[in-house]
Structure formats: C-alpha cells, structure tokens
C-alpha cells in the first residue's frame, strides 16, 4: 500500500533514478549534436570566407567547446547511474569527444600552420 516511485517521461516508465539517467544521456547526445553542427558551420563559413575566420566563428567554436564539455559531464553522470539503457550516454560521450577533438585539431592547425 505504498506509493509507487515510478514516473512516466515519454517512454520512460522505470524508477525516478533511471528516468533521470536516461534524460541526462539524451541531453548529452543533444549537446554533442549541437556542438558538432555549430563547429561544422563555423569551419564551413570560414572556408567560404577564403580562410578568414571572423570573430563570430571563433565565438561559435568557443560555445561548441562549452557545450561539448557540459555534454561530457552529463554523459558521465548518466553512465554512473545504475541503468540498463546506456545508448544515449555512450552516444553523447562519443559525440562530445569528437567535437572536442575537432576543436583541438583546429587549434593545432592554427598554431602549427597545417
């Protein structure tokens, strides 16, 4: 005769902890997609501008880095929960690591003139 600790968030009918972990994993994946897309457009627009990177493209890359760092933290927090569905956690961590690697490559190429 106790209250059930299950909630319903979209398709999530597991306990509160599992639904929060799933939500954190989804947010991590979404932040990874946003970071990669914004980084892609910053590089593409710099290419269209004959290699002259405007300040707004650098700011977009900086925000992509911040989104990727936040996404990695959310992905790791989601993975630490005892949940049986880690797809979004792994996807978010991988996408955010790709975004950080892309930003690292851009910085490396700018410093060493590749």
PDB file of N, CA and C in Angstrom:
ATOM      1  N   UNK A   1       0.823  -1.200   0.000  1.00  0.00           N
ATOM      2  CA  UNK A   1       0.000   0.000   0.000  1.00  0.00           C
ATOM      3  C   UNK A   1       0.862   1.258   0.000  1.00  0.00           C
ATOM      4  N   UNK A   2       2.041   1.147  -0.526  1.00  0.00           N
ATOM      5  CA  UNK A   2       2.915   2.317  -0.617  1.00  0.00           C
ATOM      6  C   UNK A   2       2.761   3.007  -1.958  1.00  0.00           C
ATOM      7  N   UNK A   3       3.272   4.195  -2.024  1.00  0.00           N
ATOM      8  CA  UNK A   3       3.227   4.933  -3.277  1.00  0.00           C
ATOM      9  C   UNK A   3       4.283   4.384  -4.233  1.00  0.00           C
ATOM     10  N   UNK A   4       3.936   4.276  -5.470  1.00  0.00           N
ATOM     11  CA  UNK A   4       4.881   3.797  -6.478  1.00  0.00           C
ATOM     12  C   UNK A   4       5.869   4.915  -6.806  1.00  0.00           C
ATOM     13  N   UNK A   5       7.142   4.561  -6.915  1.00  0.00           N
ATOM     14  CA  UNK A   5       8.174   5.549  -7.209  1.00  0.00           C
ATOM     15  C   UNK A   5       8.457   5.641  -8.701  1.00  0.00           C
ATOM     16  N   UNK A   6       7.524   5.175  -9.509  1.00  0.00           N
ATOM     17  CA  UNK A   6       7.766   5.247 -10.941  1.00  0.00           C
ATOM     18  C   UNK A   6       7.081   6.468 -11.513  1.00  0.00           C
ATOM     19  N   UNK A   7       7.711   7.048 -12.509  1.00  0.00           N
ATOM     20  CA  UNK A   7       7.156   8.199 -13.211  1.00  0.00           C
ATOM     21  C   UNK A   7       7.144   7.885 -14.690  1.00  0.00           C
ATOM     22  N   UNK A   8       6.498   8.703 -15.429  1.00  0.00           N
ATOM     23  CA  UNK A   8       6.430   8.486 -16.877  1.00  0.00           C
ATOM     24  C   UNK A   8       6.933   9.737 -17.584  1.00  0.00           C
ATOM     25  N   UNK A   9       8.084   9.637 -18.203  1.00  0.00           N
ATOM     26  CA  UNK A   9       8.653  10.720 -19.008  1.00  0.00           C
ATOM     27  C   UNK A   9       8.780  10.162 -20.413  1.00  0.00           C
ATOM     28  N   UNK A  10       7.887  10.511 -21.284  1.00  0.00           N
ATOM     29  CA  UNK A  10       7.910   9.964 -22.633  1.00  0.00           C
ATOM     30  C   UNK A  10       7.738   8.465 -22.583  1.00  0.00           C
ATOM     31  N   UNK A  11       8.786   7.720 -22.958  1.00  0.00           N
ATOM     32  CA  UNK A  11       8.737   6.263 -22.947  1.00  0.00           C
ATOM     33  C   UNK A  11       9.318   5.666 -21.682  1.00  0.00           C
ATOM     34  N   UNK A  12       9.767   6.494 -20.774  1.00  0.00           N
ATOM     35  CA  UNK A  12      10.435   6.009 -19.571  1.00  0.00           C
ATOM     36  C   UNK A  12       9.408   5.693 -18.501  1.00  0.00           C
ATOM     37  N   UNK A  13       9.282   4.429 -18.154  1.00  0.00           N
ATOM     38  CA  UNK A  13       8.363   4.016 -17.097  1.00  0.00           C
ATOM     39  C   UNK A  13       9.114   3.366 -15.940  1.00  0.00           C
ATOM     40  N   UNK A  14      10.429   3.511 -15.915  1.00  0.00           N
ATOM     41  CA  UNK A  14      11.229   2.943 -14.837  1.00  0.00           C
ATOM     42  C   UNK A  14      11.181   3.876 -13.633  1.00  0.00           C
ATOM     43  N   UNK A  15      12.008   3.609 -12.665  1.00  0.00           N
ATOM     44  CA  UNK A  15      12.044   4.451 -11.475  1.00  0.00           C
ATOM     45  C   UNK A  15      12.587   5.834 -11.777  1.00  0.00           C
ATOM     46  N   UNK A  16      12.516   6.706 -10.788  1.00  0.00           N
ATOM     47  CA  UNK A  16      12.952   8.089 -10.960  1.00  0.00           C
ATOM     48  C   UNK A  16      14.419   8.158 -11.344  1.00  0.00           C
ATOM     49  N   UNK A  17      15.256   7.399 -10.680  1.00  0.00           N
ATOM     50  CA  UNK A  17      16.689   7.421 -10.950  1.00  0.00           C
ATOM     51  C   UNK A  17      16.995   7.007 -12.387  1.00  0.00           C
ATOM     52  N   UNK A  18      16.327   5.971 -12.869  1.00  0.00           N
ATOM     53  CA  UNK A  18      16.562   5.502 -14.233  1.00  0.00           C
ATOM     54  C   UNK A  18      16.091   6.521 -15.255  1.00  0.00           C
ATOM     55  N   UNK A  19      14.977   7.193 -14.979  1.00  0.00           N
ATOM     56  CA  UNK A  19      14.470   8.202 -15.914  1.00  0.00           C
ATOM     57  C   UNK A  19      15.369   9.422 -15.950  1.00  0.00           C
ATOM     58  N   UNK A  20      15.917   9.805 -14.801  1.00  0.00           N
ATOM     59  CA  UNK A  20      16.852  10.934 -14.772  1.00  0.00           C
ATOM     60  C   UNK A  20      18.110  10.576 -15.535  1.00  0.00           C
ATOM     61  N   UNK A  21      18.623   9.365 -15.373  1.00  0.00           N
ATOM     62  CA  UNK A  21      19.814   8.936 -16.101  1.00  0.00           C
ATOM     63  C   UNK A  21      19.559   8.934 -17.598  1.00  0.00           C
ATOM     64  N   UNK A  22      18.383   8.460 -18.007  1.00  0.00           N
ATOM     65  CA  UNK A  22      18.041   8.460 -19.426  1.00  0.00           C
ATOM     66  C   UNK A  22      17.950   9.887 -19.953  1.00  0.00           C
ATOM     67  N   UNK A  23      17.343  10.788 -19.182  1.00  0.00           N
ATOM     68  CA  UNK A  23      17.220  12.176 -19.598  1.00  0.00           C
ATOM     69  C   UNK A  23      18.591  12.833 -19.698  1.00  0.00           C
ATOM     70  N   UNK A  24      19.482  12.562 -18.753  1.00  0.00           N
ATOM     71  CA  UNK A  24      20.839  13.116 -18.823  1.00  0.00           C
ATOM     72  C   UNK A  24      21.573  12.594 -20.045  1.00  0.00           C
ATOM     73  N   UNK A  25      21.396  11.324 -20.366  1.00  0.00           N
ATOM     74  CA  UNK A  25      22.030  10.760 -21.553  1.00  0.00           C
ATOM     75  C   UNK A  25      21.522  11.399 -22.830  1.00  0.00           C
ATOM     76  N   UNK A  26      20.219  11.634 -22.900  1.00  0.00           N
ATOM     77  CA  UNK A  26      19.641  12.281 -24.082  1.00  0.00           C
ATOM     78  C   UNK A  26      20.148  13.714 -24.194  1.00  0.00           C
ATOM     79  N   UNK A  27      20.207  14.435 -23.079  1.00  0.00           N
ATOM     80  CA  UNK A  27      20.717  15.811 -23.111  1.00  0.00           C
ATOM     81  C   UNK A  27      22.177  15.836 -23.536  1.00  0.00           C
ATOM     82  N   UNK A  28      22.950  14.854 -23.109  1.00  0.00           N
ATOM     83  CA  UNK A  28      24.346  14.760 -23.508  1.00  0.00           C
ATOM     84  C   UNK A  28      24.466  14.561 -25.018  1.00  0.00           C
ATOM     85  N   UNK A  29      23.647  13.668 -25.563  1.00  0.00           N
ATOM     86  CA  UNK A  29      23.680  13.425 -27.009  1.00  0.00           C
ATOM     87  C   UNK A  29      23.244  14.666 -27.786  1.00  0.00           C
ATOM     88  N   UNK A  30      22.226  15.360 -27.309  1.00  0.00           N
ATOM     89  CA  UNK A  30      21.752  16.570 -27.984  1.00  0.00           C
ATOM     90  C   UNK A  30      22.824  17.655 -27.946  1.00  0.00           C
ATOM     91  N   UNK A  31      23.495  17.823 -26.804  1.00  0.00           N
ATOM     92  CA  UNK A  31      24.577  18.809 -26.729  1.00  0.00           C
ATOM     93  C   UNK A  31      25.732  18.437 -27.661  1.00  0.00           C
ATOM     94  N   UNK A  32      26.009  17.154 -27.794  1.00  0.00           N
ATOM     95  CA  UNK A  32      27.052  16.724 -28.733  1.00  0.00           C
ATOM     96  C   UNK A  32      26.691  17.040 -30.168  1.00  0.00           C
ATOM     97  N   UNK A  33      25.431  16.827 -30.528  1.00  0.00           N
ATOM     98  CA  UNK A  33      24.980  17.152 -31.885  1.00  0.00           C
ATOM     99  C   UNK A  33      25.054  18.649 -32.123  1.00  0.00           C
ATOM    100  N   UNK A  34      24.605  19.446 -31.148  1.00  0.00           N
ATOM    101  CA  UNK A  34      24.659  20.906 -31.294  1.00  0.00           C
ATOM    102  C   UNK A  34      26.105  21.375 -31.431  1.00  0.00           C
ATOM    103  N   UNK A  35      27.007  20.808 -30.631  1.00  0.00           N
ATOM    104  CA  UNK A  35      28.416  21.200 -30.698  1.00  0.00           C
ATOM    105  C   UNK A  35      29.023  20.851 -32.054  1.00  0.00           C
ATOM    106  N   UNK A  36      28.747  19.646 -32.550  1.00  0.00           N
ATOM    107  CA  UNK A  36      29.315  19.250 -33.839  1.00  0.00           C
ATOM    108  C   UNK A  36      28.747  20.068 -34.992  1.00  0.00           C
ATOM    109  N   UNK A  37      27.452  20.333 -34.963  1.00  0.00           N
ATOM    110  CA  UNK A  37      26.829  21.104 -36.042  1.00  0.00           C
ATOM    111  C   UNK A  37      27.340  22.544 -36.033  1.00  0.00           C
ATOM    112  N   UNK A  38      27.426  23.163 -34.857  1.00  0.00           N
ATOM    113  CA  UNK A  38      27.915  24.540 -34.809  1.00  0.00           C
ATOM    114  C   UNK A  38      29.384  24.613 -35.204  1.00  0.00           C
ATOM    115  N   UNK A  39      30.159  23.628 -34.817  1.00  0.00           N
ATOM    116  CA  UNK A  39      31.568  23.594 -35.227  1.00  0.00           C
ATOM    117  C   UNK A  39      31.690  23.405 -36.724  1.00  0.00           C
ATOM    118  N   UNK A  40      30.866  22.532 -37.305  1.00  0.00           N
ATOM    119  CA  UNK A  40      30.883  22.326 -38.748  1.00  0.00           C
ATOM    120  C   UNK A  40      30.554  23.619 -39.491  1.00  0.00           C
ATOM    121  N   UNK A  41      29.511  24.316 -39.049  1.00  0.00           N
ATOM    122  CA  UNK A  41      29.140  25.552 -39.735  1.00  0.00           C
ATOM    123  C   UNK A  41      30.184  26.647 -39.554  1.00  0.00           C
ATOM    124  N   UNK A  42      30.850  26.694 -38.404  1.00  0.00           N
ATOM    125  CA  UNK A  42      31.917  27.672 -38.212  1.00  0.00           C
ATOM    126  C   UNK A  42      33.067  27.403 -39.189  1.00  0.00           C
ATOM    127  N   UNK A  43      33.443  26.142 -39.344  1.00  0.00           N
ATOM    128  CA  UNK A  43      34.520  25.793 -40.281  1.00  0.00           C
ATOM    129  C   UNK A  43      34.077  26.026 -41.717  1.00  0.00           C
ATOM    130  N   UNK A  44      32.842  25.670 -42.035  1.00  0.00           N
ATOM    131  CA  UNK A  44      32.329  25.852 -43.393  1.00  0.00           C
ATOM    132  C   UNK A  44      32.260  27.327 -43.780  1.00  0.00           C
ATOM    133  N   UNK A  45      31.779  28.155 -42.878  1.00  0.00           N
ATOM    134  CA  UNK A  45      31.682  29.586 -43.181  1.00  0.00           C
ATOM    135  C   UNK A  45      33.063  30.224 -43.268  1.00  0.00           C
ATOM    136  N   UNK A  46      34.021  29.743 -42.482  1.00  0.00           N
ATOM    137  CA  UNK A  46      35.400  30.228 -42.609  1.00  0.00           C
ATOM    138  C   UNK A  46      35.973  29.827 -43.963  1.00  0.00           C
ATOM    139  N   UNK A  47      35.687  28.632 -44.415  1.00  0.00           N
ATOM    140  CA  UNK A  47      36.121  28.180 -45.734  1.00  0.00           C
ATOM    141  C   UNK A  47      35.510  29.047 -46.832  1.00  0.00           C
ATOM    142  N   UNK A  48      34.221  29.349 -46.710  1.00  0.00           N
ATOM    143  CA  UNK A  48      33.555  30.201 -47.708  1.00  0.00           C
ATOM    144  C   UNK A  48      34.097  31.617 -47.698  1.00  0.00           C
ATOM    145  N   UNK A  49      34.686  32.026 -46.573  1.00  0.00           N
ATOM    146  CA  UNK A  49      35.254  33.369 -46.448  1.00  0.00           C
ATOM    147  C   UNK A  49      36.745  33.368 -46.789  1.00  0.00           C
ATOM    148  N   UNK A  50      37.191  32.424 -47.599  1.00  0.00           N
ATOM    149  CA  UNK A  50      38.584  32.259 -48.040  1.00  0.00           C
ATOM    150  C   UNK A  50      39.563  32.136 -46.869  1.00  0.00           C
ATOM    151  N   UNK A  51      39.139  31.440 -45.817  1.00  0.00           N
ATOM    152  CA  UNK A  51      40.026  31.170 -44.701  1.00  0.00           C
ATOM    153  C   UNK A  51      40.105  32.270 -43.657  1.00  0.00           C
ATOM    154  N   UNK A  52      39.398  33.352 -43.862  1.00  0.00           N
ATOM    155  CA  UNK A  52      39.392  34.434 -42.879  1.00  0.00           C
ATOM    156  C   UNK A  52      38.320  34.145 -41.834  1.00  0.00           C
ATOM    157  N   UNK A  53      38.762  33.779 -40.654  1.00  0.00           N
ATOM    158  CA  UNK A  53      37.816  33.458 -39.594  1.00  0.00           C
ATOM    159  C   UNK A  53      37.381  34.749 -38.904  1.00  0.00           C
ATOM    160  N   UNK A  54      36.112  35.033 -38.977  1.00  0.00           N
ATOM    161  CA  UNK A  54      35.584  36.192 -38.277  1.00  0.00           C
ATOM    162  C   UNK A  54      35.426  35.864 -36.795  1.00  0.00           C
ATOM    163  N   UNK A  55      35.264  36.883 -35.992  1.00  0.00           N
ATOM    164  CA  UNK A  55      35.148  36.691 -34.549  1.00  0.00           C
ATOM    165  C   UNK A  55      33.930  35.831 -34.207  1.00  0.00           C
ATOM    166  N   UNK A  56      32.852  35.995 -34.951  1.00  0.00           N
ATOM    167  CA  UNK A  56      31.644  35.228 -34.635  1.00  0.00           C
ATOM    168  C   UNK A  56      31.850  33.730 -34.849  1.00  0.00           C
ATOM    169  N   UNK A  57      32.740  33.343 -35.751  1.00  0.00           N
ATOM    170  CA  UNK A  57      33.023  31.920 -35.939  1.00  0.00           C
ATOM    171  C   UNK A  57      33.848  31.379 -34.775  1.00  0.00           C
ATOM    172  N   UNK A  58      34.756  32.192 -34.261  1.00  0.00           N
ATOM    173  CA  UNK A  58      35.522  31.800 -33.088  1.00  0.00           C
ATOM    174  C   UNK A  58      34.640  31.673 -31.856  1.00  0.00           C
ATOM    175  N   UNK A  59      33.676  32.580 -31.725  1.00  0.00           N
ATOM    176  CA  UNK A  59      32.738  32.516 -30.608  1.00  0.00           C
ATOM    177  C   UNK A  59      31.867  31.267 -30.737  1.00  0.00           C
ATOM    178  N   UNK A  60      31.469  30.938 -31.959  1.00  0.00           N
ATOM    179  CA  UNK A  60      30.679  29.718 -32.172  1.00  0.00           C
ATOM    180  C   UNK A  60      31.484  28.482 -31.774  1.00  0.00           C
ATOM    181  N   UNK A  61      32.777  28.464 -32.103  1.00  0.00           N
ATOM    182  CA  UNK A  61      33.625  27.338 -31.715  1.00  0.00           C
ATOM    183  C   UNK A  61      33.809  27.296 -30.197  1.00  0.00           C
ATOM    184  N   UNK A  62      33.906  28.459 -29.554  1.00  0.00           N
ATOM    185  CA  UNK A  62      34.025  28.501 -28.102  1.00  0.00           C
ATOM    186  C   UNK A  62      32.765  27.952 -27.437  1.00  0.00           C
ATOM    187  N   UNK A  63      31.594  28.355 -27.948  1.00  0.00           N
ATOM    188  CA  UNK A  63      30.354  27.814 -27.405  1.00  0.00           C
ATOM    189  C   UNK A  63      30.237  26.314 -27.682  1.00  0.00           C
ATOM    190  N   UNK A  64      30.724  25.873 -28.834  1.00  0.00           N
ATOM    191  CA  UNK A  64      30.724  24.437 -29.124  1.00  0.00           C
ATOM    192  C   UNK A  64      31.582  23.690 -28.111  1.00  0.00           C
ATOM    193  N   UNK A  65      32.713  24.287 -27.742  1.00  0.00           N
ATOM    194  CA  UNK A  65      33.574  23.669 -26.730  1.00  0.00           C
ATOM    195  C   UNK A  65      32.865  23.604 -25.379  1.00  0.00           C
ATOM    196  N   UNK A  66      32.182  24.680 -25.002  1.00  0.00           N
ATOM    197  CA  UNK A  66      31.457  24.686 -23.733  1.00  0.00           C
ATOM    198  C   UNK A  66      30.323  23.665 -23.743  1.00  0.00           C
ATOM    199  N   UNK A  67      29.592  23.577 -24.860  1.00  0.00           N
ATOM    200  CA  UNK A  67      28.522  22.586 -24.973  1.00  0.00           C
ATOM    201  C   UNK A  67      29.085  21.177 -24.882  1.00  0.00           C
ATOM    202  N   UNK A  68      30.233  20.948 -25.538  1.00  0.00           N
ATOM    203  CA  UNK A  68      30.830  19.612 -25.526  1.00  0.00           C
ATOM    204  C   UNK A  68      31.304  19.234 -24.123  1.00  0.00           C
ATOM    205  N   UNK A  69      31.886  20.181 -23.408  1.00  0.00           N
ATOM    206  CA  UNK A  69      32.325  19.888 -22.043  1.00  0.00           C
ATOM    207  C   UNK A  69      31.129  19.581 -21.140  1.00  0.00           C
ATOM    208  N   UNK A  70      30.066  20.365 -21.267  1.00  0.00           N
ATOM    209  CA  UNK A  70      28.863  20.100 -20.487  1.00  0.00           C
ATOM    210  C   UNK A  70      28.251  18.757 -20.885  1.00  0.00           C
ATOM    211  N   UNK A  71      28.289  18.440 -22.180  1.00  0.00           N
ATOM    212  CA  UNK A  71      27.755  17.165 -22.650  1.00  0.00           C
ATOM    213  C   UNK A  71      28.523  15.979 -22.128  1.00  0.00           C
ATOM    214  N   UNK A  72      29.839  16.103 -22.027  1.00  0.00           N
ATOM    215  CA  UNK A  72      30.640  15.012 -21.471  1.00  0.00           C
ATOM    216  C   UNK A  72      30.297  14.799 -20.000  1.00  0.00           C
ATOM    217  N   UNK A  73      30.156  15.894 -19.260  1.00  0.00           N
ATOM    218  CA  UNK A  73      29.804  15.776 -17.848  1.00  0.00           C
ATOM    219  C   UNK A  73      28.441  15.092 -17.700  1.00  0.00           C
ATOM    220  N   UNK A  74      27.464  15.501 -18.496  1.00  0.00           N
ATOM    221  CA  UNK A  74      26.140  14.883 -18.429  1.00  0.00           C
ATOM    222  C   UNK A  74      26.183  13.415 -18.836  1.00  0.00           C
ATOM    223  N   UNK A  75      26.970  13.095 -19.859  1.00  0.00           N
ATOM    224  CA  UNK A  75      27.094  11.706 -20.297  1.00  0.00           C
ATOM    225  C   UNK A  75      27.716  10.825 -19.234  1.00  0.00           C
ATOM    226  N   UNK A  76      28.735  11.346 -18.557  1.00  0.00           N
ATOM    227  CA  UNK A  76      29.378  10.570 -17.499  1.00  0.00           C
ATOM    228  C   UNK A  76      28.435  10.414 -16.300  1.00  0.00           C
ATOM    229  N   UNK A  77      27.708  11.479 -15.963  1.00  0.00           N
ATOM    230  CA  UNK A  77      26.738  11.375 -14.868  1.00  0.00           C
ATOM    231  C   UNK A  77      25.654  10.356 -15.197  1.00  0.00           C
ATOM    232  N   UNK A  78      25.224  10.340 -16.454  1.00  0.00           N
ATOM    233  CA  UNK A  78      24.208   9.380 -16.874  1.00  0.00           C
ATOM    234  C   UNK A  78      24.749   7.957 -16.830  1.00  0.00           C
ATOM    235  N   UNK A  79      26.002   7.783 -17.198  1.00  0.00           N
ATOM    236  CA  UNK A  79      26.608   6.453 -17.207  1.00  0.00           C
ATOM    237  C   UNK A  79      26.836   5.927 -15.800  1.00  0.00           C
ATOM    238  N   UNK A  80      27.031   6.804 -14.849  1.00  0.00           N
ATOM    239  CA  UNK A  80      27.292   6.384 -13.474  1.00  0.00           C
ATOM    240  C   UNK A  80      26.039   5.841 -12.786  1.00  0.00           C
ATOM    241  N   UNK A  81      24.865   6.192 -13.268  1.00  0.00           N
ATOM    242  CA  UNK A  81      23.636   5.671 -12.681  1.00  0.00           C
ATOM    243  C   UNK A  81      23.488   4.193 -13.030  1.00  0.00           C
ATOM    244  N   UNK A  82      22.855   3.448 -12.155  1.00  0.00           N
ATOM    245  CA  UNK A  82      22.629   2.032 -12.427  1.00  0.00           C
ATOM    246  C   UNK A  82      21.392   1.897 -13.301  1.00  0.00           C
ATOM    247  N   UNK A  83      21.618   1.979 -14.566  1.00  0.00           N
ATOM    248  CA  UNK A  83      20.546   1.944 -15.560  1.00  0.00           C
ATOM    249  C   UNK A  83      20.902   0.871 -16.572  1.00  0.00           C
ATOM    250  N   UNK A  84      19.936   0.340 -17.220  1.00  0.00           N
ATOM    251  CA  UNK A  84      20.221  -0.714 -18.191  1.00  0.00           C
ATOM    252  C   UNK A  84      20.258  -0.202 -19.620  1.00  0.00           C
ATOM    253  N   UNK A  85      20.024   1.076 -19.829  1.00  0.00           N
ATOM    254  CA  UNK A  85      19.955   1.614 -21.189  1.00  0.00           C
ATOM    255  C   UNK A  85      20.973   2.736 -21.323  1.00  0.00           C
ATOM    256  N   UNK A  86      22.161   2.404 -21.829  1.00  0.00           N
ATOM    257  CA  UNK A  86      23.272   3.347 -21.894  1.00  0.00           C
ATOM    258  C   UNK A  86      23.514   3.908 -23.288  1.00  0.00           C
ATOM    259  N   UNK A  87      22.632   3.661 -24.239  1.00  0.00           N
ATOM    260  CA  UNK A  87      22.869   4.091 -25.616  1.00  0.00           C
ATOM    261  C   UNK A  87      23.116   5.595 -25.702  1.00  0.00           C
ATOM    262  N   UNK A  88      22.248   6.383 -25.100  1.00  0.00           N
ATOM    263  CA  UNK A  88      22.402   7.834 -25.195  1.00  0.00           C
ATOM    264  C   UNK A  88      23.605   8.329 -24.408  1.00  0.00           C
ATOM    265  N   UNK A  89      23.945   7.641 -23.335  1.00  0.00           N
ATOM    266  CA  UNK A  89      25.147   8.013 -22.580  1.00  0.00           C
ATOM    267  C   UNK A  89      26.388   7.847 -23.439  1.00  0.00           C
ATOM    268  N   UNK A  90      26.516   6.665 -24.048  1.00  0.00           N
ATOM    269  CA  UNK A  90      27.675   6.414 -24.909  1.00  0.00           C
ATOM    270  C   UNK A  90      27.667   7.327 -26.133  1.00  0.00           C
ATOM    271  N   UNK A  91      26.508   7.506 -26.746  1.00  0.00           N
ATOM    272  CA  UNK A  91      26.406   8.365 -27.921  1.00  0.00           C
ATOM    273  C   UNK A  91      26.805   9.800 -27.584  1.00  0.00           C
ATOM    274  N   UNK A  92      26.315  10.301 -26.448  1.00  0.00           N
ATOM    275  CA  UNK A  92      26.650  11.658 -26.033  1.00  0.00           C
ATOM    276  C   UNK A  92      28.129  11.822 -25.752  1.00  0.00           C
ATOM    277  N   UNK A  93      28.719  10.861 -25.062  1.00  0.00           N
ATOM    278  CA  UNK A  93      30.149  10.946 -24.758  1.00  0.00           C
ATOM    279  C   UNK A  93      30.968  10.922 -26.038  1.00  0.00           C
ATOM    280  N   UNK A  94      30.622  10.049 -26.970  1.00  0.00           N
ATOM    281  CA  UNK A  94      31.371   9.951 -28.228  1.00  0.00           C
ATOM    282  C   UNK A  94      31.227  11.222 -29.051  1.00  0.00           C
ATOM    283  N   UNK A  95      30.006  11.738 -29.199  1.00  0.00           N
ATOM    284  CA  UNK A  95      29.796  12.952 -29.985  1.00  0.00           C
ATOM    285  C   UNK A  95      30.528  14.143 -29.376  1.00  0.00           C
ATOM    286  N   UNK A  96      30.485  14.264 -28.064  1.00  0.00           N
ATOM    287  CA  UNK A  96      31.164  15.382 -27.413  1.00  0.00           C
ATOM    288  C   UNK A  96      32.679  15.254 -27.502  1.00  0.00           C
ATOM    289  N   UNK A  97      33.188  14.040 -27.414  1.00  0.00           N
ATOM    290  CA  UNK A  97      34.632  13.846 -27.600  1.00  0.00           C
ATOM    291  C   UNK A  97      35.052  14.176 -29.026  1.00  0.00           C
ATOM    292  N   UNK A  98      34.213  13.847 -30.008  1.00  0.00           N
ATOM    293  CA  UNK A  98      34.516  14.219 -31.394  1.00  0.00           C
ATOM    294  C   UNK A  98      34.546  15.732 -31.561  1.00  0.00           C
ATOM    295  N   UNK A  99      33.625  16.431 -30.926  1.00  0.00           N
ATOM    296  CA  UNK A  99      33.606  17.892 -31.012  1.00  0.00           C
ATOM    297  C   UNK A  99      34.867  18.480 -30.379  1.00  0.00           C
ATOM    298  N   UNK A 100      35.266  17.959 -29.225  1.00  0.00           N
ATOM    299  CA  UNK A 100      36.484  18.468 -28.575  1.00  0.00           C
ATOM    300  C   UNK A 100      37.712  18.138 -29.405  1.00  0.00           C
ATOM    301  N   UNK A 101      37.741  16.959 -30.010  1.00  0.00           N
ATOM    302  CA  UNK A 101      38.864  16.603 -30.885  1.00  0.00           C
ATOM    303  C   UNK A 101      38.907  17.523 -32.103  1.00  0.00           C
ATOM    304  N   UNK A 102      37.749  17.860 -32.649  1.00  0.00           N
ATOM    305  CA  UNK A 102      37.705  18.788 -33.785  1.00  0.00           C
ATOM    306  C   UNK A 102      38.213  20.166 -33.421  1.00  0.00           C
ATOM    307  N   UNK A 103      37.829  20.655 -32.265  1.00  0.00           N
ATOM    308  CA  UNK A 103      38.310  21.955 -31.812  1.00  0.00           C
ATOM    309  C   UNK A 103      39.807  21.898 -31.541  1.00  0.00           C
ATOM    310  N   UNK A 104      40.261  20.811 -30.953  1.00  0.00           N
ATOM    311  CA  UNK A 104      41.695  20.634 -30.732  1.00  0.00           C
ATOM    312  C   UNK A 104      42.477  20.610 -32.029  1.00  0.00           C
ATOM    313  N   UNK A 105      41.924  19.954 -33.051  1.00  0.00           N
ATOM    314  CA  UNK A 105      42.596  19.935 -34.355  1.00  0.00           C
ATOM    315  C   UNK A 105      42.649  21.322 -34.968  1.00  0.00           C
ATOM    316  N   UNK A 106      41.576  22.080 -34.844  1.00  0.00           N
ATOM    317  CA  UNK A 106      41.545  23.452 -35.385  1.00  0.00           C
ATOM    318  C   UNK A 106      42.611  24.291 -34.691  1.00  0.00           C
ATOM    319  N   UNK A 107      42.717  24.180 -33.390  1.00  0.00           N
ATOM    320  CA  UNK A 107      43.742  24.949 -32.651  1.00  0.00           C
ATOM    321  C   UNK A 107      45.139  24.493 -33.045  1.00  0.00           C
ATOM    322  N   UNK A 108      45.333  23.181 -33.153  1.00  0.00           N
ATOM    323  CA  UNK A 108      46.631  22.643 -33.565  1.00  0.00           C
ATOM    324  C   UNK A 108      47.009  23.131 -34.974  1.00  0.00           C
ATOM    325  N   UNK A 109      46.035  23.092 -35.882  1.00  0.00           N
ATOM    326  CA  UNK A 109      46.299  23.536 -37.246  1.00  0.00           C
ATOM    327  C   UNK A 109      46.598  25.033 -37.282  1.00  0.00           C
ATOM    328  N   UNK A 110      45.961  25.806 -36.427  1.00  0.00           N
ATOM    329  CA  UNK A 110      46.211  27.241 -36.405  1.00  0.00           C
ATOM    330  C   UNK A 110      47.572  27.568 -35.830  1.00  0.00           C
ATOM    331  N   UNK A 111      48.006  26.813 -34.829  1.00  0.00           N
ATOM    332  CA  UNK A 111      49.296  27.096 -34.200  1.00  0.00           C
ATOM    333  C   UNK A 111      50.439  26.646 -35.101  1.00  0.00           C
ATOM    334  N   UNK A 112      50.340  25.462 -35.692  1.00  0.00           N
ATOM    335  CA  UNK A 112      51.441  24.906 -36.462  1.00  0.00           C
ATOM    336  C   UNK A 112      51.278  25.077 -37.964  1.00  0.00           C
ATOM    337  N   UNK A 113      50.240  25.738 -38.409  1.00  0.00           N
ATOM    338  CA  UNK A 113      50.098  26.104 -39.811  1.00  0.00           C
ATOM    339  C   UNK A 113      49.872  24.948 -40.763  1.00  0.00           C
ATOM    340  N   UNK A 114      49.061  24.022 -40.403  1.00  0.00           N
ATOM    341  CA  UNK A 114      48.777  22.889 -41.287  1.00  0.00           C
ATOM    342  C   UNK A 114      47.871  23.326 -42.410  1.00  0.00           C
TER     343      UNK A 114
END
